[in-house]
Amino acid sequence: MSLNYRAGSGEDAVDFSLRDPRIAALLGWLWPGAGHFYQGRYVKCFIFMICIVSIFVYGMVIGQGRVVYASNRPNDFRWQFIPQSGFGIPSILAVAQSLKITNQRPPFLVLCERFPAGYIDDNGNLREFEKIPADELAGFEGQPLYDGFMAPPSEPIILERNDVLGMWHAEMRHFFDLGTLFTVVAGLLNFLAIYDAFAGPAIQESKGDQEVV
C-alpha cells in the first residue's frame, strides 16, 4: 500500500509518496517524527522530534521518572497514561513495569528502596533505605518497597494512608503534576503527528493547482 501525491501542475509539478502509511504511523508512534523520516518528509520529522521529545523528556525529568506509569488498580486508575501512550517506546516500558509490579516482582530500573508501611518517621512518611542509619537497617528483615522508573507505586493505594503515591506527591510537590501535564501534552501532540504521517499532508486547490500544506 502506497499513497502518491502531486503538488502543482505542469513543469513545476512535484510528485512524492507517503510510502506505506501504516508503517509510517507505527514508526511515528514508536518515536515522534520517525514516520515522517520514513516518508522523506525531513522538515516535519525534525520539528516533531525536537518539540515532542523535548516536552516529554522535560516532564519526565521534573517528575523524576515517576509521572508516566500504567495502572488500573483501585484508587489508582492512571487515566493520564492514555494520552501519554502517544509516545510508544516509553509507554511500552511503562506497561512492562506494570506487569512486573502486578506479578509481585521488583521493577526494572529501580530508583530507590523504601521501608514498607510499618516503618515511618515522626511525620508519618515512608523512609528510603539510603536515608536510614545503619543500625536500623541491620534489624530490618522485611521486603522493601521499590520505586521503579515508569513503574506504578509499590503496594496498594489507600486514600487514608500516606502510601508511596502520597510520598511522590509530598517529595515532588507541584512538580509531579507539572511533569504529568508535560508528558500528557507530548503524547497528545504525537497522536496528531501520527495522523499526519498516516493521512498525509492537507492538499487544497488554488487556481487549478494543488498546493501541499
N, C-alpha and C. Protein backbone atom coordinates (compact mmCIF):
# COMPACT_ATOMS: atom_id res chain seq x y z
N MET A 1 0.84 -1.19 0.00
CA MET A 1 0.00 0.00 0.00
C MET A 1 0.88 1.24 0.00
N SER A 2 0.66 2.12 -0.98
CA SER A 2 1.44 3.34 -1.07
C SER A 2 0.56 4.46 -1.58
N LEU A 3 0.66 5.65 -0.96
CA LEU A 3 -0.11 6.80 -1.39
C LEU A 3 0.81 7.78 -2.10
N ASN A 4 0.42 8.20 -3.32
CA ASN A 4 1.21 9.13 -4.10
C ASN A 4 0.46 10.45 -4.26
N TYR A 5 1.21 11.53 -4.22
CA TYR A 5 0.63 12.86 -4.33
C TYR A 5 1.35 13.64 -5.42
N ARG A 6 0.63 14.59 -6.02
CA ARG A 6 1.26 15.53 -6.96
C ARG A 6 0.91 16.94 -6.50
N ALA A 7 1.93 17.74 -6.31
CA ALA A 7 1.75 19.14 -5.91
C ALA A 7 2.09 20.03 -7.09
N GLY A 8 1.17 20.94 -7.45
CA GLY A 8 1.39 21.85 -8.56
C GLY A 8 0.99 21.21 -9.87
N SER A 9 1.34 21.87 -10.97
CA SER A 9 0.98 21.37 -12.28
C SER A 9 2.04 21.78 -13.29
N GLY A 10 1.99 21.13 -14.44
CA GLY A 10 2.93 21.46 -15.49
C GLY A 10 4.37 21.15 -15.10
N GLU A 11 5.29 22.03 -15.54
CA GLU A 11 6.71 21.80 -15.27
C GLU A 11 7.06 21.95 -13.80
N ASP A 12 6.23 22.66 -13.05
CA ASP A 12 6.51 22.89 -11.63
C ASP A 12 5.93 21.80 -10.73
N ALA A 13 5.26 20.81 -11.31
CA ALA A 13 4.63 19.76 -10.51
C ALA A 13 5.70 18.92 -9.80
N VAL A 14 5.38 18.52 -8.59
CA VAL A 14 6.28 17.70 -7.80
C VAL A 14 5.52 16.47 -7.33
N ASP A 15 6.04 15.30 -7.66
CA ASP A 15 5.43 14.05 -7.21
C ASP A 15 6.16 13.55 -5.96
N PHE A 16 5.39 13.07 -5.00
CA PHE A 16 6.02 12.49 -3.82
C PHE A 16 5.13 11.39 -3.27
N SER A 17 5.70 10.51 -2.49
CA SER A 17 4.99 9.34 -1.98
C SER A 17 5.05 9.29 -0.46
N LEU A 18 3.93 8.87 0.12
CA LEU A 18 3.89 8.64 1.57
C LEU A 18 4.34 7.23 1.91
N ARG A 19 4.73 6.47 0.89
CA ARG A 19 5.10 5.06 1.07
C ARG A 19 3.93 4.34 1.74
N ASP A 20 4.19 3.44 2.66
CA ASP A 20 3.09 2.73 3.33
C ASP A 20 2.68 3.52 4.57
N PRO A 21 1.51 4.15 4.57
CA PRO A 21 1.12 4.99 5.71
C PRO A 21 0.96 4.22 7.01
N ARG A 22 0.67 2.92 6.93
CA ARG A 22 0.54 2.14 8.15
C ARG A 22 1.89 1.97 8.84
N ILE A 23 2.93 1.72 8.05
CA ILE A 23 4.27 1.63 8.62
C ILE A 23 4.70 2.99 9.16
N ALA A 24 4.37 4.05 8.41
CA ALA A 24 4.72 5.40 8.85
C ALA A 24 4.06 5.72 10.19
N ALA A 25 2.78 5.33 10.33
CA ALA A 25 2.08 5.60 11.59
C ALA A 25 2.69 4.82 12.74
N LEU A 26 3.06 3.56 12.49
CA LEU A 26 3.68 2.75 13.54
C LEU A 26 5.03 3.35 13.96
N LEU A 27 5.85 3.73 12.99
CA LEU A 27 7.15 4.32 13.32
C LEU A 27 6.97 5.64 14.06
N GLY A 28 5.96 6.43 13.63
CA GLY A 28 5.69 7.69 14.29
C GLY A 28 5.21 7.51 15.71
N TRP A 29 4.51 6.40 15.97
CA TRP A 29 4.07 6.13 17.35
C TRP A 29 5.26 5.71 18.20
N LEU A 30 6.13 4.88 17.66
CA LEU A 30 7.28 4.43 18.45
C LEU A 30 8.19 5.59 18.82
N TRP A 31 8.42 6.50 17.87
CA TRP A 31 9.30 7.65 18.13
C TRP A 31 8.80 8.84 17.31
N PRO A 32 8.51 9.96 17.93
CA PRO A 32 7.98 11.11 17.20
C PRO A 32 8.86 11.52 16.02
N GLY A 33 8.24 11.66 14.87
CA GLY A 33 8.97 12.07 13.67
C GLY A 33 9.53 10.94 12.86
N ALA A 34 9.59 9.73 13.42
CA ALA A 34 10.19 8.61 12.69
C ALA A 34 9.37 8.25 11.45
N GLY A 35 8.05 8.37 11.53
CA GLY A 35 7.21 8.09 10.37
C GLY A 35 7.45 9.06 9.24
N HIS A 36 7.64 10.33 9.57
CA HIS A 36 7.91 11.34 8.55
C HIS A 36 9.30 11.14 7.94
N PHE A 37 10.25 10.70 8.75
CA PHE A 37 11.58 10.39 8.22
C PHE A 37 11.48 9.25 7.21
N TYR A 38 10.70 8.23 7.53
CA TYR A 38 10.47 7.10 6.63
C TYR A 38 9.87 7.56 5.31
N GLN A 39 9.03 8.60 5.35
CA GLN A 39 8.39 9.11 4.15
C GLN A 39 9.24 10.14 3.40
N GLY A 40 10.38 10.52 3.99
CA GLY A 40 11.22 11.52 3.36
C GLY A 40 10.77 12.94 3.62
N ARG A 41 9.91 13.14 4.59
CA ARG A 41 9.42 14.49 4.95
C ARG A 41 10.28 14.99 6.12
N TYR A 42 11.49 15.37 5.81
CA TYR A 42 12.51 15.58 6.84
C TYR A 42 12.27 16.82 7.69
N VAL A 43 11.71 17.87 7.11
CA VAL A 43 11.47 19.08 7.90
C VAL A 43 10.49 18.80 9.02
N LYS A 44 9.36 18.18 8.67
CA LYS A 44 8.38 17.83 9.70
C LYS A 44 8.96 16.82 10.68
N CYS A 45 9.77 15.91 10.17
CA CYS A 45 10.39 14.91 11.04
C CYS A 45 11.14 15.58 12.19
N PHE A 46 12.02 16.50 11.86
CA PHE A 46 12.85 17.12 12.91
C PHE A 46 12.06 18.08 13.77
N ILE A 47 11.04 18.73 13.21
CA ILE A 47 10.19 19.60 14.02
C ILE A 47 9.47 18.78 15.08
N PHE A 48 8.83 17.70 14.65
CA PHE A 48 8.09 16.86 15.60
C PHE A 48 9.04 16.21 16.60
N MET A 49 10.16 15.71 16.12
CA MET A 49 11.07 15.01 17.00
C MET A 49 11.61 15.94 18.10
N ILE A 50 12.08 17.11 17.69
CA ILE A 50 12.68 18.03 18.66
C ILE A 50 11.63 18.53 19.65
N CYS A 51 10.49 18.97 19.14
CA CYS A 51 9.46 19.56 20.01
C CYS A 51 8.84 18.53 20.95
N ILE A 52 8.36 17.43 20.41
CA ILE A 52 7.62 16.46 21.21
C ILE A 52 8.54 15.74 22.19
N VAL A 53 9.70 15.30 21.71
CA VAL A 53 10.62 14.60 22.61
C VAL A 53 11.10 15.53 23.72
N SER A 54 11.36 16.79 23.39
CA SER A 54 11.81 17.74 24.40
C SER A 54 10.77 17.95 25.49
N ILE A 55 9.52 18.10 25.08
CA ILE A 55 8.44 18.28 26.06
C ILE A 55 8.31 17.05 26.95
N PHE A 56 8.36 15.88 26.33
CA PHE A 56 8.21 14.64 27.09
C PHE A 56 9.36 14.45 28.07
N VAL A 57 10.58 14.63 27.59
CA VAL A 57 11.75 14.43 28.45
C VAL A 57 11.75 15.44 29.59
N TYR A 58 11.38 16.68 29.32
CA TYR A 58 11.33 17.68 30.38
C TYR A 58 10.33 17.27 31.46
N GLY A 59 9.16 16.78 31.04
CA GLY A 59 8.19 16.31 32.02
C GLY A 59 8.70 15.14 32.84
N MET A 60 9.43 14.23 32.18
CA MET A 60 9.98 13.09 32.90
C MET A 60 11.05 13.53 33.90
N VAL A 61 11.85 14.51 33.52
CA VAL A 61 12.94 14.96 34.40
C VAL A 61 12.36 15.62 35.65
N ILE A 62 11.43 16.55 35.49
CA ILE A 62 10.89 17.23 36.67
C ILE A 62 10.00 16.29 37.48
N GLY A 63 9.51 15.22 36.85
CA GLY A 63 8.72 14.23 37.56
C GLY A 63 9.54 13.06 38.05
N GLN A 64 10.87 13.17 37.97
CA GLN A 64 11.80 12.17 38.49
C GLN A 64 11.54 10.75 37.98
N GLY A 65 11.08 10.64 36.75
CA GLY A 65 10.87 9.34 36.13
C GLY A 65 9.67 8.58 36.65
N ARG A 66 8.80 9.24 37.41
CA ARG A 66 7.67 8.54 38.03
C ARG A 66 6.31 8.95 37.49
N VAL A 67 6.25 9.96 36.64
CA VAL A 67 4.95 10.51 36.24
C VAL A 67 4.30 9.77 35.09
N VAL A 68 5.02 8.85 34.45
CA VAL A 68 4.44 8.03 33.38
C VAL A 68 4.42 6.58 33.85
N TYR A 69 3.24 6.10 34.17
CA TYR A 69 3.12 4.68 34.54
C TYR A 69 1.70 4.21 34.25
N ALA A 70 1.56 2.90 34.03
CA ALA A 70 0.27 2.30 33.70
C ALA A 70 -0.28 1.59 34.93
N SER A 71 -1.52 1.90 35.28
CA SER A 71 -2.14 1.27 36.44
C SER A 71 -3.66 1.36 36.32
N ASN A 72 -4.34 0.27 36.67
CA ASN A 72 -5.80 0.28 36.76
C ASN A 72 -6.25 -0.29 38.11
N ARG A 73 -5.39 -0.13 39.12
CA ARG A 73 -5.71 -0.64 40.44
C ARG A 73 -6.75 0.25 41.12
N PRO A 74 -7.45 -0.26 42.13
CA PRO A 74 -8.38 0.58 42.89
C PRO A 74 -7.66 1.79 43.48
N ASN A 75 -8.28 2.94 43.37
CA ASN A 75 -7.74 4.22 43.85
C ASN A 75 -6.51 4.69 43.08
N ASP A 76 -6.19 4.01 42.00
CA ASP A 76 -5.00 4.41 41.24
C ASP A 76 -5.19 4.08 39.76
N PHE A 77 -6.37 4.43 39.22
CA PHE A 77 -6.56 4.29 37.77
C PHE A 77 -5.83 5.44 37.09
N ARG A 78 -4.77 5.15 36.39
CA ARG A 78 -3.91 6.18 35.81
C ARG A 78 -4.42 6.55 34.42
N TRP A 79 -5.49 7.35 34.37
CA TRP A 79 -6.07 7.75 33.08
C TRP A 79 -5.08 8.60 32.28
N GLN A 80 -4.16 9.28 32.97
CA GLN A 80 -3.19 10.11 32.25
C GLN A 80 -2.31 9.28 31.32
N PHE A 81 -2.22 7.98 31.59
CA PHE A 81 -1.37 7.14 30.74
C PHE A 81 -1.97 6.99 29.35
N ILE A 82 -3.27 7.18 29.20
CA ILE A 82 -3.90 7.03 27.88
C ILE A 82 -3.33 8.06 26.90
N PRO A 83 -3.35 9.36 27.21
CA PRO A 83 -2.69 10.30 26.28
C PRO A 83 -1.17 10.17 26.28
N GLN A 84 -0.58 9.81 27.42
CA GLN A 84 0.88 9.63 27.45
C GLN A 84 1.34 8.52 26.52
N SER A 85 0.46 7.54 26.27
CA SER A 85 0.82 6.41 25.43
C SER A 85 0.99 6.80 23.97
N GLY A 86 0.74 8.07 23.63
CA GLY A 86 1.01 8.52 22.27
C GLY A 86 2.49 8.44 21.91
N PHE A 87 3.35 8.38 22.90
CA PHE A 87 4.80 8.19 22.69
C PHE A 87 5.07 6.72 22.97
N GLY A 88 5.34 5.94 21.92
CA GLY A 88 5.30 4.50 22.01
C GLY A 88 6.36 3.82 22.85
N ILE A 89 7.64 4.15 22.64
CA ILE A 89 8.70 3.42 23.33
C ILE A 89 8.59 3.57 24.85
N PRO A 90 8.43 4.77 25.40
CA PRO A 90 8.26 4.87 26.85
C PRO A 90 7.01 4.16 27.36
N SER A 91 5.92 4.19 26.59
CA SER A 91 4.71 3.54 27.06
C SER A 91 4.87 2.03 27.09
N ILE A 92 5.65 1.47 26.17
CA ILE A 92 5.92 0.03 26.20
C ILE A 92 6.67 -0.33 27.48
N LEU A 93 7.66 0.49 27.85
CA LEU A 93 8.40 0.25 29.09
C LEU A 93 7.48 0.37 30.30
N ALA A 94 6.57 1.35 30.27
CA ALA A 94 5.65 1.53 31.39
C ALA A 94 4.74 0.31 31.56
N VAL A 95 4.27 -0.24 30.46
CA VAL A 95 3.42 -1.44 30.54
C VAL A 95 4.23 -2.62 31.08
N ALA A 96 5.47 -2.76 30.62
CA ALA A 96 6.32 -3.84 31.12
C ALA A 96 6.56 -3.69 32.62
N GLN A 97 6.78 -2.47 33.08
CA GLN A 97 6.96 -2.22 34.51
C GLN A 97 5.70 -2.58 35.29
N SER A 98 4.56 -2.22 34.74
CA SER A 98 3.30 -2.52 35.41
C SER A 98 3.08 -4.03 35.55
N LEU A 99 3.45 -4.78 34.53
CA LEU A 99 3.32 -6.24 34.60
C LEU A 99 4.25 -6.82 35.65
N LYS A 100 5.44 -6.25 35.78
CA LYS A 100 6.37 -6.72 36.81
C LYS A 100 5.79 -6.49 38.21
N ILE A 101 5.25 -5.31 38.44
CA ILE A 101 4.68 -4.98 39.74
C ILE A 101 3.47 -5.86 40.03
N THR A 102 2.62 -6.07 39.02
CA THR A 102 1.42 -6.89 39.19
C THR A 102 1.78 -8.31 39.59
N ASN A 103 2.88 -8.82 39.08
CA ASN A 103 3.33 -10.18 39.39
C ASN A 103 4.23 -10.23 40.63
N GLN A 104 4.19 -9.16 41.43
CA GLN A 104 4.92 -9.11 42.71
C GLN A 104 6.42 -9.26 42.53
N ARG A 105 6.94 -8.70 41.46
CA ARG A 105 8.38 -8.74 41.22
C ARG A 105 8.93 -7.33 41.21
N PRO A 106 10.19 -7.15 41.57
CA PRO A 106 10.78 -5.80 41.54
C PRO A 106 10.78 -5.25 40.12
N PRO A 107 10.61 -3.95 39.96
CA PRO A 107 10.60 -3.36 38.62
C PRO A 107 11.98 -3.30 38.02
N PHE A 108 12.02 -3.08 36.71
CA PHE A 108 13.28 -2.74 36.06
C PHE A 108 13.69 -1.33 36.53
N LEU A 109 14.98 -1.04 36.48
CA LEU A 109 15.47 0.30 36.74
C LEU A 109 14.94 0.87 38.05
N VAL A 110 15.35 0.28 39.16
CA VAL A 110 14.92 0.73 40.48
C VAL A 110 15.54 2.08 40.79
N LEU A 111 14.70 3.04 41.18
CA LEU A 111 15.17 4.39 41.52
C LEU A 111 15.56 4.50 42.99
N CYS A 112 14.80 3.85 43.86
CA CYS A 112 15.15 3.85 45.28
C CYS A 112 14.38 2.74 45.97
N GLU A 113 14.79 2.41 47.19
CA GLU A 113 14.11 1.42 48.01
C GLU A 113 13.57 2.11 49.27
N ARG A 114 12.39 1.68 49.69
CA ARG A 114 11.77 2.26 50.88
C ARG A 114 11.41 1.16 51.88
N PHE A 115 11.33 1.55 53.14
CA PHE A 115 10.74 0.66 54.12
C PHE A 115 9.26 0.50 53.82
N PRO A 116 8.65 -0.64 54.15
CA PRO A 116 7.20 -0.78 53.96
C PRO A 116 6.43 0.09 54.93
N ALA A 117 5.10 0.00 54.86
CA ALA A 117 4.23 0.96 55.54
C ALA A 117 4.47 1.04 57.04
N GLY A 118 4.90 -0.05 57.67
CA GLY A 118 5.08 -0.03 59.11
C GLY A 118 6.26 0.78 59.57
N TYR A 119 7.18 1.10 58.67
CA TYR A 119 8.38 1.85 59.03
C TYR A 119 8.24 3.29 58.55
N ILE A 120 7.81 4.15 59.43
CA ILE A 120 7.59 5.54 59.07
C ILE A 120 8.33 6.45 60.05
N ASP A 121 8.55 7.69 59.66
CA ASP A 121 9.22 8.62 60.55
C ASP A 121 8.19 9.35 61.42
N ASP A 122 8.64 10.33 62.15
CA ASP A 122 7.74 11.03 63.08
C ASP A 122 6.65 11.82 62.36
N ASN A 123 6.84 12.09 61.09
CA ASN A 123 5.84 12.82 60.30
C ASN A 123 4.91 11.89 59.53
N GLY A 124 5.06 10.59 59.75
CA GLY A 124 4.20 9.63 59.06
C GLY A 124 4.62 9.34 57.63
N ASN A 125 5.88 9.59 57.30
CA ASN A 125 6.36 9.40 55.93
C ASN A 125 7.16 8.11 55.80
N LEU A 126 7.02 7.46 54.66
CA LEU A 126 7.83 6.29 54.37
C LEU A 126 9.27 6.73 54.13
N ARG A 127 10.22 6.00 54.65
CA ARG A 127 11.61 6.41 54.57
C ARG A 127 12.39 5.54 53.58
N GLU A 128 13.35 6.16 52.92
CA GLU A 128 14.19 5.44 51.97
C GLU A 128 15.36 4.80 52.70
N PHE A 129 15.80 3.66 52.18
CA PHE A 129 16.89 2.92 52.82
C PHE A 129 18.15 3.77 52.96
N GLU A 130 18.50 4.49 51.89
CA GLU A 130 19.77 5.21 51.93
C GLU A 130 19.76 6.37 52.92
N LYS A 131 18.58 6.70 53.45
CA LYS A 131 18.47 7.79 54.41
C LYS A 131 18.30 7.29 55.85
N ILE A 132 18.45 5.99 56.04
CA ILE A 132 18.24 5.38 57.35
C ILE A 132 19.59 5.02 57.97
N PRO A 133 19.78 5.26 59.27
CA PRO A 133 21.02 4.85 59.94
C PRO A 133 21.28 3.36 59.79
N ALA A 134 22.54 2.99 59.74
CA ALA A 134 22.91 1.59 59.51
C ALA A 134 22.38 0.66 60.59
N ASP A 135 22.28 1.13 61.84
CA ASP A 135 21.82 0.25 62.90
C ASP A 135 20.35 -0.13 62.71
N GLU A 136 19.55 0.75 62.14
CA GLU A 136 18.16 0.41 61.85
C GLU A 136 18.06 -0.56 60.69
N LEU A 137 18.89 -0.38 59.68
CA LEU A 137 18.86 -1.29 58.53
C LEU A 137 19.26 -2.69 58.94
N ALA A 138 20.15 -2.82 59.91
CA ALA A 138 20.63 -4.14 60.33
C ALA A 138 19.51 -4.98 60.91
N GLY A 139 18.50 -4.35 61.49
CA GLY A 139 17.41 -5.12 62.08
C GLY A 139 16.22 -5.32 61.17
N PHE A 140 16.30 -4.86 59.94
CA PHE A 140 15.17 -4.99 59.02
C PHE A 140 15.23 -6.31 58.27
N GLU A 141 14.14 -7.07 58.32
CA GLU A 141 14.11 -8.39 57.67
C GLU A 141 12.98 -8.49 56.66
N GLY A 142 12.24 -7.44 56.45
CA GLY A 142 11.11 -7.49 55.53
C GLY A 142 11.49 -7.24 54.08
N GLN A 143 10.47 -7.17 53.23
CA GLN A 143 10.66 -6.91 51.81
C GLN A 143 10.54 -5.41 51.56
N PRO A 144 11.54 -4.80 50.97
CA PRO A 144 11.45 -3.35 50.73
C PRO A 144 10.44 -3.01 49.63
N LEU A 145 10.04 -1.76 49.59
CA LEU A 145 9.23 -1.23 48.51
C LEU A 145 10.16 -0.57 47.50
N TYR A 146 9.90 -0.79 46.22
CA TYR A 146 10.77 -0.26 45.18
C TYR A 146 10.08 0.86 44.41
N ASP A 147 10.77 1.96 44.25
CA ASP A 147 10.36 2.98 43.29
C ASP A 147 11.05 2.66 41.99
N GLY A 148 10.27 2.34 40.96
CA GLY A 148 10.86 2.00 39.67
C GLY A 148 10.62 3.08 38.63
N PHE A 149 11.54 3.18 37.68
CA PHE A 149 11.41 4.13 36.58
C PHE A 149 10.21 3.75 35.73
N MET A 150 9.20 4.63 35.67
CA MET A 150 7.95 4.40 34.95
C MET A 150 7.17 3.21 35.50
N ALA A 151 7.33 2.90 36.76
CA ALA A 151 6.61 1.79 37.38
C ALA A 151 5.53 2.33 38.31
N PRO A 152 4.41 1.62 38.47
CA PRO A 152 3.38 2.05 39.41
C PRO A 152 3.93 2.08 40.83
N PRO A 153 3.30 2.84 41.71
CA PRO A 153 3.72 2.85 43.11
C PRO A 153 3.61 1.45 43.72
N SER A 154 4.56 1.09 44.55
CA SER A 154 4.51 -0.20 45.23
C SER A 154 3.37 -0.20 46.24
N GLU A 155 2.84 -1.38 46.49
CA GLU A 155 1.74 -1.59 47.43
C GLU A 155 0.43 -0.97 46.94
N PRO A 156 -0.70 -1.46 47.47
CA PRO A 156 -1.99 -0.85 47.12
C PRO A 156 -2.05 0.60 47.55
N ILE A 157 -2.87 1.38 46.83
CA ILE A 157 -3.07 2.78 47.16
C ILE A 157 -4.25 2.90 48.11
N ILE A 158 -3.99 3.41 49.31
CA ILE A 158 -5.03 3.57 50.34
C ILE A 158 -5.16 5.05 50.63
N LEU A 159 -6.34 5.59 50.40
CA LEU A 159 -6.54 7.03 50.48
C LEU A 159 -6.30 7.58 51.88
N GLU A 160 -6.50 6.77 52.90
CA GLU A 160 -6.36 7.25 54.28
C GLU A 160 -4.92 7.16 54.79
N ARG A 161 -4.00 6.68 53.96
CA ARG A 161 -2.64 6.47 54.42
C ARG A 161 -1.65 7.18 53.49
N ASN A 162 -0.56 7.65 54.06
CA ASN A 162 0.47 8.26 53.24
C ASN A 162 1.31 7.17 52.59
N ASP A 163 0.78 6.62 51.50
CA ASP A 163 1.43 5.50 50.82
C ASP A 163 2.51 6.02 49.87
N VAL A 164 3.01 5.13 49.01
CA VAL A 164 4.10 5.51 48.11
C VAL A 164 3.66 6.63 47.16
N LEU A 165 2.47 6.53 46.61
CA LEU A 165 1.99 7.59 45.72
C LEU A 165 1.89 8.91 46.47
N GLY A 166 1.42 8.86 47.70
CA GLY A 166 1.37 10.07 48.51
C GLY A 166 2.75 10.65 48.75
N MET A 167 3.74 9.77 48.93
CA MET A 167 5.10 10.23 49.13
C MET A 167 5.66 10.90 47.88
N TRP A 168 5.29 10.39 46.71
CA TRP A 168 5.74 11.04 45.47
C TRP A 168 5.23 12.47 45.40
N HIS A 169 3.96 12.65 45.73
CA HIS A 169 3.40 13.99 45.71
C HIS A 169 4.07 14.87 46.76
N ALA A 170 4.31 14.31 47.94
CA ALA A 170 4.92 15.09 49.01
C ALA A 170 6.36 15.48 48.68
N GLU A 171 7.10 14.58 48.07
CA GLU A 171 8.50 14.84 47.76
C GLU A 171 8.68 15.79 46.58
N MET A 172 7.83 15.64 45.56
CA MET A 172 7.98 16.46 44.36
C MET A 172 7.09 17.70 44.36
N ARG A 173 6.11 17.71 45.27
CA ARG A 173 5.17 18.83 45.36
C ARG A 173 4.49 19.04 44.00
N HIS A 174 4.44 20.29 43.53
CA HIS A 174 3.72 20.57 42.29
C HIS A 174 4.42 20.01 41.06
N PHE A 175 5.69 19.62 41.18
CA PHE A 175 6.41 19.11 40.01
C PHE A 175 5.84 17.77 39.54
N PHE A 176 5.21 17.01 40.43
CA PHE A 176 4.60 15.75 39.99
C PHE A 176 3.46 16.05 39.01
N ASP A 177 2.62 17.01 39.35
CA ASP A 177 1.51 17.36 38.45
C ASP A 177 2.01 18.04 37.19
N LEU A 178 3.03 18.89 37.30
CA LEU A 178 3.57 19.55 36.12
C LEU A 178 4.23 18.54 35.18
N GLY A 179 4.98 17.60 35.74
CA GLY A 179 5.59 16.57 34.91
C GLY A 179 4.54 15.73 34.21
N THR A 180 3.47 15.41 34.92
CA THR A 180 2.37 14.67 34.31
C THR A 180 1.76 15.46 33.16
N LEU A 181 1.54 16.76 33.37
CA LEU A 181 0.95 17.61 32.34
C LEU A 181 1.83 17.66 31.09
N PHE A 182 3.12 17.87 31.26
CA PHE A 182 4.01 17.96 30.10
C PHE A 182 4.01 16.65 29.31
N THR A 183 4.04 15.52 29.98
CA THR A 183 4.07 14.24 29.26
C THR A 183 2.73 13.95 28.59
N VAL A 184 1.63 14.38 29.20
CA VAL A 184 0.32 14.23 28.57
C VAL A 184 0.24 15.06 27.29
N VAL A 185 0.69 16.30 27.36
CA VAL A 185 0.68 17.17 26.18
C VAL A 185 1.55 16.59 25.07
N ALA A 186 2.73 16.07 25.43
CA ALA A 186 3.61 15.48 24.42
C ALA A 186 2.95 14.29 23.75
N GLY A 187 2.28 13.45 24.53
CA GLY A 187 1.59 12.30 23.95
C GLY A 187 0.48 12.70 23.01
N LEU A 188 -0.30 13.71 23.39
CA LEU A 188 -1.39 14.18 22.53
C LEU A 188 -0.85 14.78 21.24
N LEU A 189 0.23 15.56 21.34
CA LEU A 189 0.84 16.13 20.14
C LEU A 189 1.32 15.03 19.20
N ASN A 190 1.85 13.95 19.76
CA ASN A 190 2.33 12.89 18.88
C ASN A 190 1.19 12.14 18.21
N PHE A 191 0.02 12.06 18.86
CA PHE A 191 -1.13 11.47 18.18
C PHE A 191 -1.46 12.27 16.92
N LEU A 192 -1.36 13.61 16.99
CA LEU A 192 -1.60 14.44 15.81
C LEU A 192 -0.52 14.19 14.75
N ALA A 193 0.73 14.04 15.19
CA ALA A 193 1.81 13.76 14.25
C ALA A 193 1.61 12.40 13.58
N ILE A 194 1.14 11.43 14.34
CA ILE A 194 0.88 10.10 13.78
C ILE A 194 -0.20 10.19 12.71
N TYR A 195 -1.24 10.96 12.99
CA TYR A 195 -2.31 11.13 12.00
C TYR A 195 -1.78 11.77 10.73
N ASP A 196 -0.90 12.77 10.87
CA ASP A 196 -0.31 13.42 9.70
C ASP A 196 0.52 12.44 8.89
N ALA A 197 1.26 11.56 9.57
CA ALA A 197 2.06 10.56 8.86
C ALA A 197 1.17 9.55 8.15
N PHE A 198 0.03 9.22 8.75
CA PHE A 198 -0.86 8.21 8.17
C PHE A 198 -1.69 8.78 7.03
N ALA A 199 -2.26 9.98 7.22
CA ALA A 199 -3.20 10.53 6.24
C ALA A 199 -2.53 11.43 5.21
N GLY A 200 -1.30 11.87 5.48
CA GLY A 200 -0.62 12.72 4.53
C GLY A 200 -0.93 14.19 4.74
N PRO A 201 -0.27 15.05 3.98
CA PRO A 201 -0.47 16.49 4.14
C PRO A 201 -1.83 16.93 3.64
N ALA A 202 -2.30 18.06 4.14
CA ALA A 202 -3.54 18.65 3.64
C ALA A 202 -3.26 19.27 2.28
N ILE A 203 -4.11 18.97 1.32
CA ILE A 203 -3.93 19.48 -0.04
C ILE A 203 -5.15 20.31 -0.41
N GLN A 204 -4.93 21.53 -0.83
CA GLN A 204 -6.03 22.40 -1.20
C GLN A 204 -5.86 22.89 -2.63
N GLU A 205 -6.99 23.10 -3.27
CA GLU A 205 -6.96 23.59 -4.63
C GLU A 205 -6.76 25.09 -4.63
N SER A 206 -5.93 25.58 -5.54
CA SER A 206 -5.70 27.02 -5.66
C SER A 206 -5.44 27.36 -7.13
N LYS A 207 -6.42 27.99 -7.80
CA LYS A 207 -6.30 28.40 -9.20
C LYS A 207 -5.90 27.25 -10.09
N GLY A 208 -6.56 26.14 -9.88
CA GLY A 208 -6.32 25.00 -10.76
C GLY A 208 -5.15 24.15 -10.35
N ASP A 209 -4.31 24.60 -9.40
CA ASP A 209 -3.17 23.81 -8.98
C ASP A 209 -3.45 23.20 -7.63
N GLN A 210 -2.69 22.20 -7.27
CA GLN A 210 -2.78 21.59 -5.96
C GLN A 210 -1.60 22.07 -5.13
N GLU A 211 -1.90 22.54 -3.95
CA GLU A 211 -0.86 23.00 -3.06
C GLU A 211 -0.79 22.10 -1.85
N VAL A 212 0.41 21.79 -1.43
CA VAL A 212 0.62 20.95 -0.27
C VAL A 212 0.83 21.83 0.95
N VAL A 213 0.08 21.53 2.01
CA VAL A 213 0.22 22.28 3.28
C VAL A 213 0.86 21.40 4.31
